[in-house]
Each structure stands twice: as structure tokens, then as C-alpha cells.
Protein backbone atom coordinates (compact mmCIF):
# COMPACT_ATOMS: atom_id res chain seq x y z
CA MET A 1 -26.54 30.46 -1.85
CA ARG A 2 -24.95 28.54 -4.66
CA LEU A 3 -24.91 24.80 -4.97
CA ASP A 4 -21.89 23.28 -6.64
CA GLY A 5 -22.46 19.57 -7.17
CA ASN A 6 -19.33 18.74 -9.12
CA GLY A 7 -16.83 21.22 -7.65
CA ASP A 8 -16.34 23.32 -10.80
CA GLY A 9 -17.34 26.57 -9.08
CA LYS A 10 -20.69 26.86 -10.87
CA ALA A 11 -24.15 26.20 -9.57
CA GLY A 12 -25.61 22.89 -10.71
CA GLY A 13 -23.45 19.97 -11.63
CA ASP A 14 -23.75 16.34 -10.80
CA PHE A 15 -26.15 16.25 -7.91
CA VAL A 16 -27.19 12.85 -6.70
CA TRP A 17 -30.13 12.61 -4.39
CA SER A 18 -30.84 9.31 -2.79
CA PHE A 19 -33.45 8.41 -0.26
CA LYS A 20 -35.28 5.34 0.89
CA ILE A 21 -39.04 5.04 1.09
CA THR A 22 -40.49 2.24 3.14
CA VAL A 23 -44.02 1.32 2.15
CA PRO A 24 -45.77 -1.27 4.30
CA PRO A 25 -47.16 -4.35 2.54
CA PRO A 26 -50.92 -4.60 1.95
CA SER A 27 -53.05 -5.78 4.85
CA ILE A 28 -55.77 -8.40 4.35
CA GLN A 29 -58.73 -8.63 6.72
CA HIS A 30 -60.81 -11.78 6.42
CA GLU A 31 -63.02 -13.74 8.77
CA PRO A 32 -62.22 -17.44 8.15
CA LEU A 33 -65.24 -19.45 7.14
CA ALA A 34 -66.20 -22.05 9.75
CA GLN A 35 -68.60 -24.07 7.63
CA ALA A 36 -69.91 -24.54 4.12
CA ARG A 37 -72.73 -26.45 2.46
CA GLU A 38 -71.71 -29.19 0.11
CA GLY A 39 -72.80 -28.54 -3.46
CA GLU A 40 -73.22 -24.77 -2.99
CA ASP A 41 -70.83 -21.99 -4.02
CA LEU A 42 -68.73 -20.77 -1.11
CA VAL A 43 -68.51 -16.97 -1.08
CA VAL A 44 -65.30 -15.53 0.38
CA THR A 45 -64.91 -11.82 1.20
CA ALA A 46 -61.84 -9.87 2.25
CA THR A 47 -60.87 -6.23 2.73
CA VAL A 48 -57.45 -5.38 1.34
CA THR A 49 -55.83 -2.17 2.59
CA ALA A 50 -52.79 -0.60 0.97
CA PHE A 51 -50.71 2.47 1.76
CA GLY A 52 -51.35 5.36 -0.60
CA SER A 53 -53.92 3.94 -3.03
CA ASN A 54 -56.89 1.68 -3.54
CA VAL A 55 -56.18 -1.93 -4.39
CA ARG A 56 -57.42 -2.65 -7.91
CA LYS A 57 -57.07 -6.41 -8.11
CA ALA A 58 -57.25 -9.42 -5.80
CA GLU A 59 -57.28 -13.15 -6.47
CA LEU A 60 -58.53 -16.10 -4.44
CA TYR A 61 -56.68 -19.45 -4.59
CA TYR A 62 -58.24 -22.73 -3.45
CA ARG A 63 -57.94 -26.52 -3.63
CA ASN A 64 -59.29 -29.61 -1.88
CA PHE A 65 -57.28 -31.09 1.00
CA SER A 66 -57.01 -34.40 -0.81
CA GLU A 67 -55.27 -32.62 -3.70
CA SER A 68 -52.67 -30.96 -1.46
CA GLN A 69 -51.03 -34.30 -0.63
CA TRP A 70 -50.44 -34.91 -4.34
CA GLY A 71 -49.01 -31.45 -5.02
CA VAL A 72 -51.96 -30.34 -7.14
CA ALA A 73 -51.80 -26.62 -7.92
CA TYR A 74 -54.35 -24.19 -6.54
CA GLU A 75 -57.22 -22.99 -8.70
CA LYS A 76 -57.42 -19.20 -9.10
CA VAL A 77 -60.54 -17.01 -9.12
CA ALA A 78 -60.53 -13.25 -9.75
CA MET A 79 -62.20 -11.38 -6.90
CA LYS A 80 -64.80 -8.71 -7.65
CA THR A 81 -64.65 -5.25 -6.09
CA LEU A 82 -67.63 -4.59 -3.82
CA SER A 83 -66.63 -1.22 -2.35
CA ALA A 84 -63.65 1.04 -1.66
CA SER A 85 -62.87 3.57 1.07
CA GLY A 86 -59.87 5.59 2.16
CA THR A 87 -58.22 7.38 5.07
CA PHE A 88 -56.97 10.83 4.14
CA GLY A 89 -54.24 12.98 5.65
CA ALA A 90 -52.46 16.13 4.46
CA GLY A 91 -54.52 16.15 1.26
CA SER A 92 -53.65 12.66 0.07
CA ILE A 93 -54.69 9.08 0.65
CA VAL A 94 -52.87 7.54 3.63
CA SER A 95 -54.48 4.13 3.36
CA ALA A 96 -57.31 2.72 1.31
CA GLY A 97 -59.39 -0.38 1.89
CA THR A 98 -61.16 -2.28 -0.86
CA LEU A 99 -63.74 -4.98 -0.16
CA PHE A 100 -63.48 -7.95 -2.53
CA SER A 101 -65.60 -11.05 -3.03
CA ALA A 102 -65.24 -14.32 -4.95
CA ALA A 103 -67.04 -17.64 -5.03
CA ILE A 104 -65.42 -21.05 -4.84
CA PRO A 105 -67.53 -23.17 -7.22
CA ALA A 106 -69.96 -25.69 -5.76
CA SER A 107 -68.13 -28.53 -7.52
CA SER A 108 -65.14 -27.92 -5.21
CA VAL A 109 -67.18 -27.72 -1.99
CA ARG A 110 -67.22 -31.38 -0.99
CA ALA A 111 -67.47 -32.86 2.48
CA ASP A 112 -65.35 -35.88 1.55
CA LYS A 113 -62.39 -33.75 0.40
CA GLY A 114 -62.21 -30.65 2.61
CA LEU A 115 -61.08 -27.29 1.26
CA GLU A 116 -58.22 -24.85 1.74
CA TYR A 117 -57.99 -21.33 0.38
CA PHE A 118 -56.03 -18.10 0.60
């Protein structure tokens, strides 16, 4: 069998292969926090699962409710990796979940202002 990509009668030529790969977006599992103690750090954990590899980085954004009405930007905290696991199939990683944790500083945990995060 000879493959003639450009019609010149010889194998080879200008082959163009195109295909589409659809990779699902990462999934975040988190149990929303129902309460916090004023003046204490608020620890937030989440498991992030991605198709094909472990997630290496996650960030937590937060601000007080009173700041949201004035358009104040969210503060950002890097999340620390606690553990990683994966689901394997056909010799490769199909999905991998990484558990992350970060603390919202005590100075932002105030009963009179409320708190929002993502």
C-alpha cells in the first residue's frame, strides 16, 4: 500500500492529519463551611480532579461581604498540596485527584463583615 498525499505518484507528500481532543475541565469537590470562629484562621480544603494528570497548583480567593459592595478585589492565597491519587486505565492516568488546603487569615474572619470565598 502506498500513500500519496500530494498526488505526485510517490509515497509521502503533504499529509495533513487533524483531529479534535475534548478534555473535560477540572472538577472541584469542596464541602462549604457552615461556620467559623472570629479571630481564628479558617482552613479550606478541596479536592481537584483533572483528566490525565495530577493538578499541581490551586489558589483560594476570598474577601469580606462588606468589601464586595465596593468592588474590592479578592485576596489570593496559594493552596498547599496535602495528597494526590489517581485512577488508572490502559496503562495511563485517566483522572487524578489532588487534595489542597489553605487558610484564610484570622484578620479576615470577622462576624461583622461576613466572608465569601472560591
